[in-house]
Protein backbone atom coordinates (compact mmCIF):
# COMPACT_ATOMS: atom_id res chain seq x y z
CA UNK A 1 97.98 103.77 -47.52
CA UNK A 2 97.23 105.23 -44.30
CA UNK A 3 96.76 101.49 -42.95
CA UNK A 4 99.87 100.62 -44.51
CA UNK A 5 101.95 103.61 -42.75
CA UNK A 6 100.24 102.71 -39.41
CA UNK A 7 101.17 99.22 -39.58
CA UNK A 8 104.87 100.11 -40.28
CA UNK A 9 105.00 102.51 -37.77
CA UNK A 10 103.68 100.01 -35.28
CA UNK A 11 106.54 97.60 -36.35
CA UNK A 12 109.44 100.01 -36.18
CA UNK A 13 107.94 101.05 -32.52
CA UNK A 14 107.85 97.14 -31.52
CA UNK A 15 111.38 97.05 -33.32
CA UNK A 16 112.71 99.16 -30.99
CA UNK A 17 111.22 98.39 -27.94
CA UNK A 18 112.49 94.47 -28.69
CA UNK A 19 115.93 96.19 -29.68
CA UNK A 20 116.05 97.83 -26.33
CA UNK A 21 115.12 94.87 -24.34
CA UNK A 22 117.70 92.85 -25.89
CA UNK A 23 120.21 95.26 -25.04
CA UNK A 24 119.47 95.45 -21.42
CA UNK A 25 119.56 91.36 -21.37
CA UNK A 26 122.87 91.55 -22.96
CA UNK A 27 124.39 93.98 -20.43
CA UNK A 28 125.93 91.92 -17.72
CA UNK A 29 126.55 93.79 -14.39
CA UNK A 30 130.22 93.71 -13.37
CA UNK A 31 131.11 92.52 -10.17
CA UNK A 32 133.44 94.62 -7.76
CA UNK A 33 135.32 94.09 -4.97
CA UNK A 34 136.78 97.43 -3.18
CA UNK A 35 139.94 96.06 -0.97
CA UNK A 36 142.00 98.35 1.34
CA UNK A 37 145.97 97.84 1.13
CA UNK A 38 149.25 99.38 2.16
CA UNK A 39 151.33 99.83 -0.74
CA UNK A 40 154.37 97.66 -0.43
CA UNK A 41 153.82 94.69 -1.08
CA UNK A 42 150.28 94.60 -0.47
CA UNK A 43 149.19 96.67 -3.27
CA UNK A 44 151.50 95.68 -5.51
CA UNK A 45 150.75 92.09 -5.60
CA UNK A 46 147.02 92.90 -5.66
CA UNK A 47 147.64 95.51 -8.68
CA UNK A 48 150.11 93.22 -10.62
CA UNK A 49 148.78 89.69 -9.89
CA UNK A 50 145.52 89.37 -8.14
CA UNK A 51 143.60 92.10 -10.36
CA UNK A 52 144.34 90.22 -13.82
CA UNK A 53 143.31 87.15 -12.23
CA UNK A 54 140.08 88.20 -11.30
CA UNK A 55 139.66 89.96 -14.48
CA UNK A 56 139.46 86.94 -16.27
CA UNK A 57 136.47 85.72 -13.96
CA UNK A 58 134.88 89.01 -14.69
CA UNK A 59 135.43 90.65 -11.57
CA UNK A 60 136.68 94.05 -11.19
CA UNK A 61 139.31 94.62 -8.35
CA UNK A 62 139.43 98.22 -6.90
CA UNK A 63 142.61 98.76 -4.82
CA UNK A 64 142.38 101.57 -1.97
CA UNK A 65 145.83 102.54 -0.47
CA UNK A 66 146.37 103.21 3.28
CA UNK A 67 149.51 103.98 4.86
CA UNK A 68 148.58 103.27 8.32
CA UNK A 69 147.65 100.03 10.51
CA UNK A 70 144.28 101.55 11.85
CA UNK A 71 142.06 103.22 9.06
CA UNK A 72 142.06 100.10 6.96
CA UNK A 73 140.15 97.75 9.71
CA UNK A 74 137.66 100.67 10.82
CA UNK A 75 137.25 101.12 6.75
CA UNK A 76 136.40 97.30 6.74
CA UNK A 77 134.24 97.56 9.45
CA UNK A 78 131.79 100.45 8.25
CA UNK A 79 131.75 99.22 4.92
CA UNK A 80 133.72 101.59 3.14
CA UNK A 81 135.86 98.35 1.62
CA UNK A 82 134.89 95.01 1.33
CA UNK A 83 138.11 93.57 2.84
CA UNK A 84 141.66 94.40 3.68
CA UNK A 85 145.41 93.09 3.14
CA UNK A 86 147.86 94.58 5.33
CA UNK A 87 148.08 93.00 8.65
CA UNK A 88 148.92 89.51 10.32
CA UNK A 89 146.57 87.66 12.53
CA UNK A 90 147.79 88.68 16.12
CA UNK A 91 147.25 92.17 15.09
CA UNK A 92 143.91 91.45 13.48
CA UNK A 93 142.61 89.52 16.44
CA UNK A 94 143.99 92.40 18.77
CA UNK A 95 142.57 95.38 16.83
CA UNK A 96 139.28 93.55 16.77
CA UNK A 97 139.11 92.58 20.84
CA UNK A 98 139.93 96.15 21.67
CA UNK A 99 137.51 97.79 19.42
CA UNK A 100 134.90 94.89 19.55
CA UNK A 101 134.83 94.57 15.58
CA UNK A 102 133.86 91.38 13.97
CA UNK A 103 136.80 91.16 11.57
CA UNK A 104 138.36 87.80 10.68
CA UNK A 105 140.94 86.19 8.00
CA UNK A 106 140.14 84.20 5.29
CA UNK A 107 143.48 83.56 3.58
CA UNK A 108 146.80 83.64 4.56
CA UNK A 109 149.19 85.04 1.85
CA UNK A 110 152.78 85.65 3.35
CA UNK A 111 155.09 86.43 5.70
CA UNK A 112 156.92 89.80 6.10
CA UNK A 113 159.95 89.04 8.57
CA UNK A 114 160.33 91.81 10.94
CA UNK A 115 164.05 93.02 11.06
CA UNK A 116 166.57 95.73 13.18
CA UNK A 117 168.08 98.23 11.31
CA UNK A 118 170.51 100.87 11.51
CA UNK A 119 172.46 103.87 9.92
CA UNK A 120 174.69 103.69 12.89
CA UNK A 121 176.14 100.68 13.01
CA UNK A 122 176.97 97.45 11.25
CA UNK A 123 176.58 94.48 13.34
CA UNK A 124 175.38 93.89 16.95
CA UNK A 125 178.97 93.92 18.35
CA UNK A 126 178.78 97.55 17.85
CA UNK A 127 175.81 98.10 19.82
CA UNK A 128 177.00 100.17 22.89
CA UNK A 129 175.57 100.40 26.24
CA UNK A 130 172.50 102.58 26.86
CA UNK A 131 172.00 102.67 23.00
CA UNK A 132 168.17 103.68 21.70
CA UNK A 133 166.05 101.40 19.95
CA UNK A 134 163.10 102.32 18.03
CA UNK A 135 160.17 99.93 18.38
CA UNK A 136 156.48 99.74 16.92
CA UNK A 137 153.98 101.32 19.38
CA UNK A 138 150.96 98.95 18.77
CA UNK A 139 150.70 96.05 21.03
CA UNK A 140 151.29 92.91 18.64
CA UNK A 141 154.22 94.41 16.48
CA UNK A 142 155.73 95.92 19.92
CA UNK A 143 155.77 92.57 21.29
CA UNK A 144 157.08 90.93 17.80
CA UNK A 145 159.71 93.35 18.11
CA UNK A 146 160.90 92.70 21.72
CA UNK A 147 160.80 88.97 20.90
CA UNK A 148 163.21 89.45 17.90
CA UNK A 149 165.64 91.33 20.37
CA UNK A 150 165.26 88.49 23.17
CA UNK A 151 165.89 86.08 20.22
CA UNK A 152 169.10 87.86 19.52
CA UNK A 153 170.18 87.48 23.24
CA UNK A 154 169.89 91.42 23.58
CA UNK A 155 167.14 91.30 26.14
CA UNK A 156 165.17 88.95 28.25
CA UNK A 157 161.48 88.70 28.75
CA UNK A 158 159.20 87.85 31.60
CA UNK A 159 157.82 83.94 30.76
CA UNK A 160 154.19 85.41 31.14
CA UNK A 161 154.97 88.33 28.54
CA UNK A 162 153.79 86.13 25.44
CA UNK A 163 153.15 88.02 22.16
CA UNK A 164 152.16 91.31 23.66
CA UNK A 165 155.19 92.10 25.51
CA UNK A 166 155.97 95.66 26.13
CA UNK A 167 159.53 97.29 27.75
CA UNK A 168 157.84 96.88 31.47
CA UNK A 169 158.08 93.02 30.78
CA UNK A 170 162.03 93.34 30.53
CA UNK A 171 163.53 91.54 33.21
CA UNK A 172 167.08 91.68 31.95
CA UNK A 173 168.84 94.48 29.83
CA UNK A 174 172.52 93.92 29.82
CA UNK A 175 173.31 96.71 27.77
CA UNK A 176 170.73 99.04 29.33
CA UNK A 177 169.15 99.60 26.30
CA UNK A 178 166.49 102.22 25.96
CA UNK A 179 163.41 102.16 23.73
CA UNK A 180 161.58 104.62 21.93
CA UNK A 181 157.77 103.52 20.92
CA UNK A 182 157.02 105.10 17.56
CA UNK A 183 153.92 104.75 14.89
CA UNK A 184 155.17 101.78 12.59
CA UNK A 185 155.11 104.31 9.73
CA UNK A 186 157.64 106.58 11.38
CA UNK A 187 160.02 103.84 12.18
CA UNK A 188 162.24 104.31 8.93
CA UNK A 189 162.57 107.85 9.25
CA UNK A 190 163.53 107.31 12.89
CA UNK A 191 166.72 105.76 11.46
CA UNK A 192 169.01 108.83 11.53
CA UNK A 193 168.05 109.76 15.23
CA UNK A 194 168.39 106.21 16.78
CA UNK A 195 171.03 103.43 17.05
CA UNK A 196 168.52 101.16 15.36
CA UNK A 197 165.24 100.55 14.84
CA UNK A 198 162.75 97.46 14.29
CA UNK A 199 160.90 97.88 11.56
CA UNK A 200 157.92 95.94 9.48
CA UNK A 201 159.29 94.83 6.33
CA UNK A 202 156.54 96.45 4.10
CA UNK A 203 157.90 99.84 5.46
CA UNK A 204 161.35 98.87 4.96
CA UNK A 205 160.94 98.02 1.25
CA UNK A 206 159.41 101.74 0.60
CA UNK A 207 162.52 103.14 1.73
CA UNK A 208 164.76 100.91 -0.80
CA UNK A 209 166.00 98.71 2.02
CA UNK A 210 166.76 95.05 1.21
CA UNK A 211 165.88 93.00 4.59
CA UNK A 212 167.98 89.92 3.53
CA UNK A 213 171.07 92.19 3.16
CA UNK A 214 170.40 95.37 5.34
CA UNK A 215 169.20 93.91 8.35
CA UNK A 216 170.85 93.59 11.53
CA UNK A 217 168.81 90.66 12.53
CA UNK A 218 165.65 89.24 11.06
CA UNK A 219 162.80 86.67 11.89
CA UNK A 220 163.29 83.30 10.69
CA UNK A 221 160.77 81.80 8.17
CA UNK A 222 159.02 79.79 11.06
CA UNK A 223 157.28 83.35 12.38
CA UNK A 224 153.48 82.98 12.95
CA UNK A 225 152.96 86.53 11.82
CA UNK A 226 151.25 85.64 8.17
CA UNK A 227 149.74 88.59 6.48
CA UNK A 228 146.31 87.96 5.92
CA UNK A 229 142.99 88.82 3.72
CA UNK A 230 140.52 90.08 6.34
CA UNK A 231 136.73 90.62 5.85
CA UNK A 232 133.66 90.97 7.79
CA UNK A 233 132.91 88.27 9.98
CA UNK A 234 129.47 87.98 8.53
CA UNK A 235 130.52 87.67 5.23
CA UNK A 236 133.51 84.73 5.68
CA UNK A 237 131.48 82.62 3.29
CA UNK A 238 130.80 85.37 0.76
CA UNK A 239 131.54 83.62 -2.72
CA UNK A 240 132.84 86.70 -4.52
CA UNK A 241 135.27 87.25 -1.63
CA UNK A 242 136.66 83.58 -1.72
CA UNK A 243 137.38 83.91 -4.95
CA UNK A 244 139.73 87.08 -3.93
CA UNK A 245 141.11 84.62 -1.10
CA UNK A 246 141.79 81.80 -3.58
CA UNK A 247 143.44 84.12 -6.05
CA UNK A 248 145.61 85.43 -3.32
CA UNK A 249 146.63 81.83 -2.54
CA UNK A 250 147.31 81.28 -6.30
CA UNK A 251 150.40 79.52 -8.04
CA UNK A 252 151.04 82.74 -9.77
CA UNK A 253 150.90 85.03 -6.46
CA UNK A 254 153.50 82.43 -4.94
CA UNK A 255 155.64 82.87 -8.07
CA UNK A 256 155.49 86.61 -8.05
CA UNK A 257 156.37 86.83 -4.27
CA UNK A 258 159.37 84.62 -4.69
CA UNK A 259 160.46 86.34 -7.68
CA UNK A 260 159.85 89.84 -6.95
CA UNK A 261 161.05 90.14 -3.38
CA UNK A 262 164.03 87.87 -3.45
CA UNK A 263 163.58 86.30 0.08
CA UNK A 264 162.35 89.45 1.76
CA UNK A 265 158.94 88.16 1.96
CA UNK A 266 157.92 84.53 2.29
CA UNK A 267 154.67 82.82 0.77
CA UNK A 268 152.35 81.39 3.73
CA UNK A 269 150.63 78.71 1.70
């Protein structure tokens, strides 16, 4: 009897061990990507379309929202996040060069046409001499804003200015326009205090303006400023991050952009 109890006890213990081992083997480690993004439209695209697509492949997408153009790149560089999605290639290249960071893009997703907006005037004919125009203060977006104003015939830039033009590169200013350089997130709030402001589309959408309807002038679809998925250079071939890139370049994302934003944002793939 004692021998039978010992045998039964050993069998129970063995069963528990085997059972526990089987549970461990059955446990699947969840693959996770942490991405930084500005709220509109980047985080919306990620939350509404990309996150469910990746979940189907067993990948969990954690989205961290940022409201500026500096912190997401610093967070990517220091490893706090695995990727970011908020900026165009000229800004990424300039930022990485100035700060000696190894950040690269692995997917172009959409173009957010930059435009000129105003609460004071309804068209360019009402733009008076000496009008105050707010423009972004970072290198690439400032140049982009000035190129937009040049395209509209409001100013002329030096032929050597290129994509990084600043107000000092203006060689002709028929209306003697004045310029106020502001951090991009402040531009929508500046509208009551300036004649007009050149604002990036993602910030325009946050204050319920419609670029195709409310802008005085706006970039065309041929703009080179496509918003991209950025990663650390050493991880450009990472399989998991390239699955994220594929999801961002999926037909589902293209359809979502076209249906949700009505032409205010244009797919770049």
